[in-house]
Amino acid sequence: MCECSEVHIATADAITVLLHNQHALAAAIEEVVKLLSGKGAESVADNAMTAMQTLDTNAQAITDAIMRIRKS
């Protein structure tokens, strides 16, 4: 049976990978926003920016959770 600290480390590591994926998605959306803005699709670009803001907000919450898990 795993010790509690080992479970916390594994959990934090798994969530960290998800956070990295979230950052990659945000970067991809940012590139799409640049493309859309250059082509005159401002309303679509604005919607994509809103999605990026949600990713940023959630990334901070995930980071905070990871830190709490690692400290426990």
N, C-alpha and C. Protein backbone atom coordinates (compact mmCIF):
# COMPACT_ATOMS: atom_id res chain seq x y z
N MET A 1 0.84 -1.18 0.00
CA MET A 1 0.00 0.00 0.00
C MET A 1 0.89 1.25 0.00
N CYS A 2 0.52 2.23 -0.80
CA CYS A 2 1.32 3.45 -0.92
C CYS A 2 1.19 4.33 0.31
N GLU A 3 2.27 5.01 0.62
CA GLU A 3 2.20 6.00 1.68
C GLU A 3 1.46 7.22 1.15
N CYS A 4 0.89 7.97 2.05
CA CYS A 4 0.12 9.15 1.69
C CYS A 4 0.96 10.13 0.89
N SER A 5 2.21 10.34 1.28
CA SER A 5 3.06 11.30 0.57
C SER A 5 3.32 10.85 -0.86
N GLU A 6 3.45 9.56 -1.09
CA GLU A 6 3.65 9.04 -2.45
C GLU A 6 2.41 9.30 -3.31
N VAL A 7 1.26 9.15 -2.73
CA VAL A 7 0.01 9.41 -3.44
C VAL A 7 -0.09 10.90 -3.77
N HIS A 8 0.28 11.74 -2.82
CA HIS A 8 0.24 13.19 -3.06
C HIS A 8 1.20 13.58 -4.18
N ILE A 9 2.37 13.00 -4.19
CA ILE A 9 3.35 13.30 -5.24
C ILE A 9 2.83 12.86 -6.59
N ALA A 10 2.29 11.66 -6.66
CA ALA A 10 1.75 11.15 -7.93
C ALA A 10 0.58 12.00 -8.42
N THR A 11 -0.26 12.40 -7.50
CA THR A 11 -1.41 13.25 -7.86
C THR A 11 -0.93 14.60 -8.37
N ALA A 12 -0.01 15.21 -7.66
CA ALA A 12 0.52 16.51 -8.07
C ALA A 12 1.23 16.40 -9.42
N ASP A 13 1.97 15.32 -9.64
CA ASP A 13 2.64 15.13 -10.92
C ASP A 13 1.64 15.01 -12.07
N ALA A 14 0.57 14.26 -11.85
CA ALA A 14 -0.45 14.09 -12.88
C ALA A 14 -1.15 15.41 -13.18
N ILE A 15 -1.47 16.16 -12.16
CA ILE A 15 -2.13 17.45 -12.37
C ILE A 15 -1.18 18.43 -13.04
N THR A 16 0.10 18.34 -12.74
CA THR A 16 1.08 19.20 -13.38
C THR A 16 1.11 18.96 -14.89
N VAL A 17 1.04 17.70 -15.29
CA VAL A 17 1.01 17.38 -16.73
C VAL A 17 -0.25 17.99 -17.37
N LEU A 18 -1.37 17.90 -16.69
CA LEU A 18 -2.60 18.51 -17.21
C LEU A 18 -2.45 20.03 -17.32
N LEU A 19 -1.77 20.63 -16.37
CA LEU A 19 -1.53 22.07 -16.42
C LEU A 19 -0.66 22.43 -17.63
N HIS A 20 0.35 21.61 -17.90
CA HIS A 20 1.19 21.84 -19.09
C HIS A 20 0.35 21.75 -20.36
N ASN A 21 -0.56 20.80 -20.40
CA ASN A 21 -1.46 20.68 -21.55
C ASN A 21 -2.33 21.92 -21.68
N GLN A 22 -2.79 22.44 -20.56
CA GLN A 22 -3.62 23.64 -20.57
C GLN A 22 -2.83 24.82 -21.12
N HIS A 23 -1.56 24.95 -20.73
CA HIS A 23 -0.73 26.03 -21.25
C HIS A 23 -0.52 25.87 -22.76
N ALA A 24 -0.35 24.64 -23.23
CA ALA A 24 -0.19 24.40 -24.67
C ALA A 24 -1.46 24.79 -25.43
N LEU A 25 -2.60 24.45 -24.88
CA LEU A 25 -3.87 24.85 -25.51
C LEU A 25 -4.00 26.36 -25.57
N ALA A 26 -3.62 27.03 -24.51
CA ALA A 26 -3.70 28.50 -24.50
C ALA A 26 -2.78 29.08 -25.57
N ALA A 27 -1.60 28.52 -25.73
CA ALA A 27 -0.68 29.01 -26.76
C ALA A 27 -1.25 28.79 -28.15
N ALA A 28 -1.88 27.65 -28.37
CA ALA A 28 -2.49 27.37 -29.67
C ALA A 28 -3.64 28.33 -29.94
N ILE A 29 -4.46 28.57 -28.94
CA ILE A 29 -5.58 29.51 -29.10
C ILE A 29 -5.05 30.90 -29.40
N GLU A 30 -3.97 31.29 -28.76
CA GLU A 30 -3.38 32.60 -29.00
C GLU A 30 -2.95 32.74 -30.47
N GLU A 31 -2.37 31.69 -31.02
CA GLU A 31 -1.99 31.73 -32.43
C GLU A 31 -3.21 31.86 -33.34
N VAL A 32 -4.28 31.16 -33.00
CA VAL A 32 -5.52 31.26 -33.78
C VAL A 32 -6.09 32.67 -33.69
N VAL A 33 -6.03 33.27 -32.50
CA VAL A 33 -6.51 34.64 -32.31
C VAL A 33 -5.74 35.60 -33.22
N LYS A 34 -4.43 35.44 -33.28
CA LYS A 34 -3.62 36.30 -34.15
C LYS A 34 -4.04 36.15 -35.60
N LEU A 35 -4.24 34.91 -36.02
CA LEU A 35 -4.65 34.64 -37.40
C LEU A 35 -6.02 35.25 -37.68
N LEU A 36 -6.96 35.04 -36.79
CA LEU A 36 -8.31 35.57 -36.99
C LEU A 36 -8.34 37.09 -36.99
N SER A 37 -7.58 37.68 -36.11
CA SER A 37 -7.53 39.14 -36.04
C SER A 37 -6.99 39.72 -37.34
N GLY A 38 -6.00 39.08 -37.91
CA GLY A 38 -5.41 39.54 -39.16
C GLY A 38 -6.31 39.38 -40.36
N LYS A 39 -7.31 38.51 -40.23
CA LYS A 39 -8.22 38.25 -41.34
C LYS A 39 -9.55 38.97 -41.17
N GLY A 40 -9.66 39.81 -40.16
CA GLY A 40 -10.88 40.59 -39.98
C GLY A 40 -12.00 39.89 -39.23
N ALA A 41 -11.74 38.76 -38.63
CA ALA A 41 -12.77 38.01 -37.89
C ALA A 41 -12.68 38.38 -36.41
N GLU A 42 -12.89 39.64 -36.12
CA GLU A 42 -12.70 40.15 -34.76
C GLU A 42 -13.63 39.50 -33.74
N SER A 43 -14.87 39.25 -34.09
CA SER A 43 -15.79 38.66 -33.10
C SER A 43 -15.37 37.24 -32.73
N VAL A 44 -14.88 36.50 -33.70
CA VAL A 44 -14.39 35.14 -33.42
C VAL A 44 -13.11 35.23 -32.58
N ALA A 45 -12.25 36.17 -32.92
CA ALA A 45 -11.02 36.37 -32.15
C ALA A 45 -11.35 36.76 -30.72
N ASP A 46 -12.36 37.60 -30.53
CA ASP A 46 -12.77 37.99 -29.18
C ASP A 46 -13.26 36.79 -28.38
N ASN A 47 -14.02 35.91 -29.03
CA ASN A 47 -14.49 34.70 -28.34
C ASN A 47 -13.32 33.80 -27.95
N ALA A 48 -12.34 33.71 -28.82
CA ALA A 48 -11.16 32.90 -28.51
C ALA A 48 -10.38 33.51 -27.35
N MET A 49 -10.31 34.83 -27.32
CA MET A 49 -9.62 35.51 -26.21
C MET A 49 -10.34 35.23 -24.89
N THR A 50 -11.65 35.20 -24.91
CA THR A 50 -12.41 34.87 -23.71
C THR A 50 -12.07 33.47 -23.23
N ALA A 51 -11.95 32.54 -24.17
CA ALA A 51 -11.56 31.17 -23.82
C ALA A 51 -10.16 31.15 -23.20
N MET A 52 -9.25 31.95 -23.76
CA MET A 52 -7.90 32.02 -23.21
C MET A 52 -7.91 32.58 -21.79
N GLN A 53 -8.75 33.57 -21.54
CA GLN A 53 -8.83 34.14 -20.19
C GLN A 53 -9.32 33.10 -19.20
N THR A 54 -10.27 32.27 -19.63
CA THR A 54 -10.76 31.19 -18.76
C THR A 54 -9.64 30.20 -18.48
N LEU A 55 -8.87 29.84 -19.50
CA LEU A 55 -7.73 28.94 -19.30
C LEU A 55 -6.74 29.53 -18.31
N ASP A 56 -6.45 30.83 -18.45
CA ASP A 56 -5.51 31.48 -17.53
C ASP A 56 -6.02 31.47 -16.10
N THR A 57 -7.30 31.78 -15.93
CA THR A 57 -7.90 31.78 -14.58
C THR A 57 -7.83 30.38 -13.97
N ASN A 58 -8.20 29.39 -14.76
CA ASN A 58 -8.19 28.02 -14.25
C ASN A 58 -6.77 27.52 -14.03
N ALA A 59 -5.83 27.96 -14.83
CA ALA A 59 -4.44 27.55 -14.64
C ALA A 59 -3.93 28.01 -13.28
N GLN A 60 -4.31 29.20 -12.87
CA GLN A 60 -3.88 29.69 -11.56
C GLN A 60 -4.48 28.84 -10.44
N ALA A 61 -5.75 28.48 -10.58
CA ALA A 61 -6.39 27.63 -9.57
C ALA A 61 -5.73 26.25 -9.52
N ILE A 62 -5.38 25.72 -10.68
CA ILE A 62 -4.72 24.42 -10.74
C ILE A 62 -3.33 24.51 -10.09
N THR A 63 -2.61 25.58 -10.40
CA THR A 63 -1.29 25.78 -9.81
C THR A 63 -1.38 25.85 -8.29
N ASP A 64 -2.36 26.58 -7.79
CA ASP A 64 -2.56 26.67 -6.35
C ASP A 64 -2.85 25.30 -5.73
N ALA A 65 -3.68 24.52 -6.40
CA ALA A 65 -4.02 23.18 -5.90
C ALA A 65 -2.79 22.28 -5.88
N ILE A 66 -1.99 22.36 -6.94
CA ILE A 66 -0.76 21.56 -7.00
C ILE A 66 0.14 21.90 -5.82
N MET A 67 0.28 23.18 -5.55
CA MET A 67 1.14 23.60 -4.44
C MET A 67 0.61 23.10 -3.10
N ARG A 68 -0.71 23.13 -2.93
CA ARG A 68 -1.30 22.61 -1.67
C ARG A 68 -1.05 21.12 -1.53
N ILE A 69 -1.19 20.38 -2.64
CA ILE A 69 -0.96 18.93 -2.59
C ILE A 69 0.50 18.64 -2.27
N ARG A 70 1.41 19.36 -2.91
CA ARG A 70 2.84 19.11 -2.70
C ARG A 70 3.27 19.44 -1.26
N LYS A 71 2.60 20.40 -0.64
CA LYS A 71 2.94 20.79 0.73
C LYS A 71 2.34 19.84 1.78
N SER A 72 1.33 19.07 1.36
CA SER A 72 0.66 18.20 2.36
C SER A 72 1.39 16.89 2.55
